[in-house]
C-alpha atoms as a PDB file:
ATOM      1  CA  UNK A   1      12.585  16.216 -11.889  1.00  0.00           C
ATOM      2  CA  UNK A   2       9.181  14.480 -12.531  1.00  0.00           C
ATOM      3  CA  UNK A   3      10.179  10.935 -12.041  1.00  0.00           C
ATOM      4  CA  UNK A   4      11.900  11.926  -8.806  1.00  0.00           C
ATOM      5  CA  UNK A   5       8.716  13.685  -7.476  1.00  0.00           C
ATOM      6  CA  UNK A   6       6.464  10.641  -8.688  1.00  0.00           C
ATOM      7  CA  UNK A   7       8.775   8.216  -6.890  1.00  0.00           C
ATOM      8  CA  UNK A   8       8.543  10.170  -3.823  1.00  0.00           C
ATOM      9  CA  UNK A   9       4.911  10.524  -3.946  1.00  0.00           C
ATOM     10  CA  UNK A  10       4.635   6.713  -4.570  1.00  0.00           C
ATOM     11  CA  UNK A  11       6.677   6.019  -1.081  1.00  0.00           C
ATOM     12  CA  UNK A  12       4.756   8.798   0.689  1.00  0.00           C
ATOM     13  CA  UNK A  13       1.160   7.182  -0.383  1.00  0.00           C
ATOM     14  CA  UNK A  14       2.538   3.687   0.239  1.00  0.00           C
ATOM     15  CA  UNK A  15       3.510   4.482   3.893  1.00  0.00           C
ATOM     16  CA  UNK A  16       0.532   6.514   4.566  1.00  0.00           C
ATOM     17  CA  UNK A  17      -1.638   3.628   3.685  1.00  0.00           C
ATOM     18  CA  UNK A  18       0.405   0.935   5.660  1.00  0.00           C
ATOM     19  CA  UNK A  19       0.375   3.342   8.832  1.00  0.00           C
ATOM     20  CA  UNK A  20      -3.352   3.011   8.581  1.00  0.00           C
ATOM     21  CA  UNK A  21      -3.741  -0.417   7.153  1.00  0.00           C
ATOM     22  CA  UNK A  22      -1.687  -2.335   8.814  1.00  0.00           C
ATOM     23  CA  UNK A  23      -2.782  -1.680  12.761  1.00  0.00           C
ATOM     24  CA  UNK A  24      -6.632  -1.803  11.518  1.00  0.00           C
ATOM     25  CA  UNK A  25      -5.805  -5.009   9.857  1.00  0.00           C
ATOM     26  CA  UNK A  26      -4.022  -6.190  13.051  1.00  0.00           C
ATOM     27  CA  UNK A  27      -6.973  -5.459  15.098  1.00  0.00           C
ATOM     28  CA  UNK A  28      -9.492  -6.823  12.991  1.00  0.00           C
ATOM     29  CA  UNK A  29      -7.666 -10.330  12.926  1.00  0.00           C
ATOM     30  CA  UNK A  30      -7.485 -10.139  16.784  1.00  0.00           C
ATOM     31  CA  UNK A  31     -11.134  -9.373  17.033  1.00  0.00           C
ATOM     32  CA  UNK A  32     -12.010 -12.043  14.765  1.00  0.00           C
ATOM     33  CA  UNK A  33      -9.978 -14.462  16.862  1.00  0.00           C
ATOM     34  CA  UNK A  34     -11.718 -13.297  19.721  1.00  0.00           C
ATOM     35  CA  UNK A  35     -15.152 -13.736  18.458  1.00  0.00           C
ATOM     36  CA  UNK A  36     -14.394 -17.257  17.205  1.00  0.00           C
ATOM     37  CA  UNK A  37     -13.848 -18.383  20.787  1.00  0.00           C
ATOM     38  CA  UNK A  38     -10.115 -19.777  20.080  1.00  0.00           C
ATOM     39  CA  UNK A  39      -8.711 -17.958  23.133  1.00  0.00           C
ATOM     40  CA  UNK A  40      -8.692 -20.870  25.311  1.00  0.00           C
ATOM     41  CA  UNK A  41      -7.125 -23.311  22.861  1.00  0.00           C
ATOM     42  CA  UNK A  42      -4.800 -21.488  20.603  1.00  0.00           C
ATOM     43  CA  UNK A  43      -2.595 -18.338  21.349  1.00  0.00           C
ATOM     44  CA  UNK A  44      -2.924 -15.361  18.960  1.00  0.00           C
ATOM     45  CA  UNK A  45      -0.067 -15.089  16.892  1.00  0.00           C
ATOM     46  CA  UNK A  46       0.841 -12.160  14.451  1.00  0.00           C
ATOM     47  CA  UNK A  47       1.677 -13.430  10.879  1.00  0.00           C
ATOM     48  CA  UNK A  48       4.863 -11.223  10.594  1.00  0.00           C
ATOM     49  CA  UNK A  49       5.834 -13.042   7.189  1.00  0.00           C
ATOM     50  CA  UNK A  50       2.623 -12.413   5.232  1.00  0.00           C
ATOM     51  CA  UNK A  51       2.156  -8.725   6.908  1.00  0.00           C
ATOM     52  CA  UNK A  52       5.627  -8.402   5.259  1.00  0.00           C
ATOM     53  CA  UNK A  53       5.053  -9.569   2.011  1.00  0.00           C
ATOM     54  CA  UNK A  54       1.822  -7.417   2.074  1.00  0.00           C
ATOM     55  CA  UNK A  55       3.983  -4.321   2.610  1.00  0.00           C
ATOM     56  CA  UNK A  56       6.222  -5.231  -0.300  1.00  0.00           C
ATOM     57  CA  UNK A  57       3.038  -5.691  -2.415  1.00  0.00           C
ATOM     58  CA  UNK A  58       1.755  -2.191  -1.693  1.00  0.00           C
ATOM     59  CA  UNK A  59       5.166  -0.730  -2.445  1.00  0.00           C
ATOM     60  CA  UNK A  60       5.373  -2.509  -5.590  1.00  0.00           C
ATOM     61  CA  UNK A  61       1.785  -1.646  -6.655  1.00  0.00           C
ATOM     62  CA  UNK A  62       1.883   2.035  -6.003  1.00  0.00           C
ATOM     63  CA  UNK A  63       5.225   2.317  -7.706  1.00  0.00           C
ATOM     64  CA  UNK A  64       4.356   0.622 -10.864  1.00  0.00           C
ATOM     65  CA  UNK A  65       1.274   2.838 -10.754  1.00  0.00           C
ATOM     66  CA  UNK A  66       3.051   6.027 -10.925  1.00  0.00           C
ATOM     67  CA  UNK A  67       5.494   4.820 -13.543  1.00  0.00           C
ATOM     68  CA  UNK A  68       2.630   4.150 -15.789  1.00  0.00           C
ATOM     69  CA  UNK A  69       1.383   7.391 -15.128  1.00  0.00           C
ATOM     70  CA  UNK A  70       4.964   8.837 -15.977  1.00  0.00           C
ATOM     71  CA  UNK A  71       5.261   6.754 -19.187  1.00  0.00           C
ATOM     72  CA  UNK A  72       1.992   7.683 -20.283  1.00  0.00           C
ATOM     73  CA  UNK A  73       3.053  11.497 -19.637  1.00  0.00           C
ATOM     74  CA  UNK A  74       6.351  11.370 -21.438  1.00  0.00           C
ATOM     75  CA  UNK A  75       5.247  12.511 -24.960  1.00  0.00           C
ATOM     76  CA  UNK A  76       3.207  15.578 -24.056  1.00  0.00           C
ATOM     77  CA  UNK A  77       3.356  18.591 -21.575  1.00  0.00           C
ATOM     78  CA  UNK A  78       1.840  17.867 -18.150  1.00  0.00           C
ATOM     79  CA  UNK A  79      -0.904  20.250 -19.088  1.00  0.00           C
ATOM     80  CA  UNK A  80      -1.611  18.352 -21.912  1.00  0.00           C
ATOM     81  CA  UNK A  81      -1.850  15.086 -20.324  1.00  0.00           C
ATOM     82  CA  UNK A  82      -4.098  16.635 -17.782  1.00  0.00           C
ATOM     83  CA  UNK A  83      -6.405  18.625 -20.159  1.00  0.00           C
ATOM     84  CA  UNK A  84      -6.684  15.247 -22.430  1.00  0.00           C
ATOM     85  CA  UNK A  85      -8.139  13.445 -19.433  1.00  0.00           C
END
């Protein structure tokens, strides 16, 4: 039960951070593009492959972090683990 809960929490944390991070990152990239003055020379194009790679990376990092926490907790009860920290 605890592993399923941690997996779901990992997915929800990833989605929440991506909902905020991807639009803000895109806006930041566009503002840098406009500020550099390249608007007349080059069109603004979103780098879809790096965005996709970062999305996958966020899911992997949060999942590994949650699994590390679950493995640390495996030997004792949840209350003992919380009290120990």
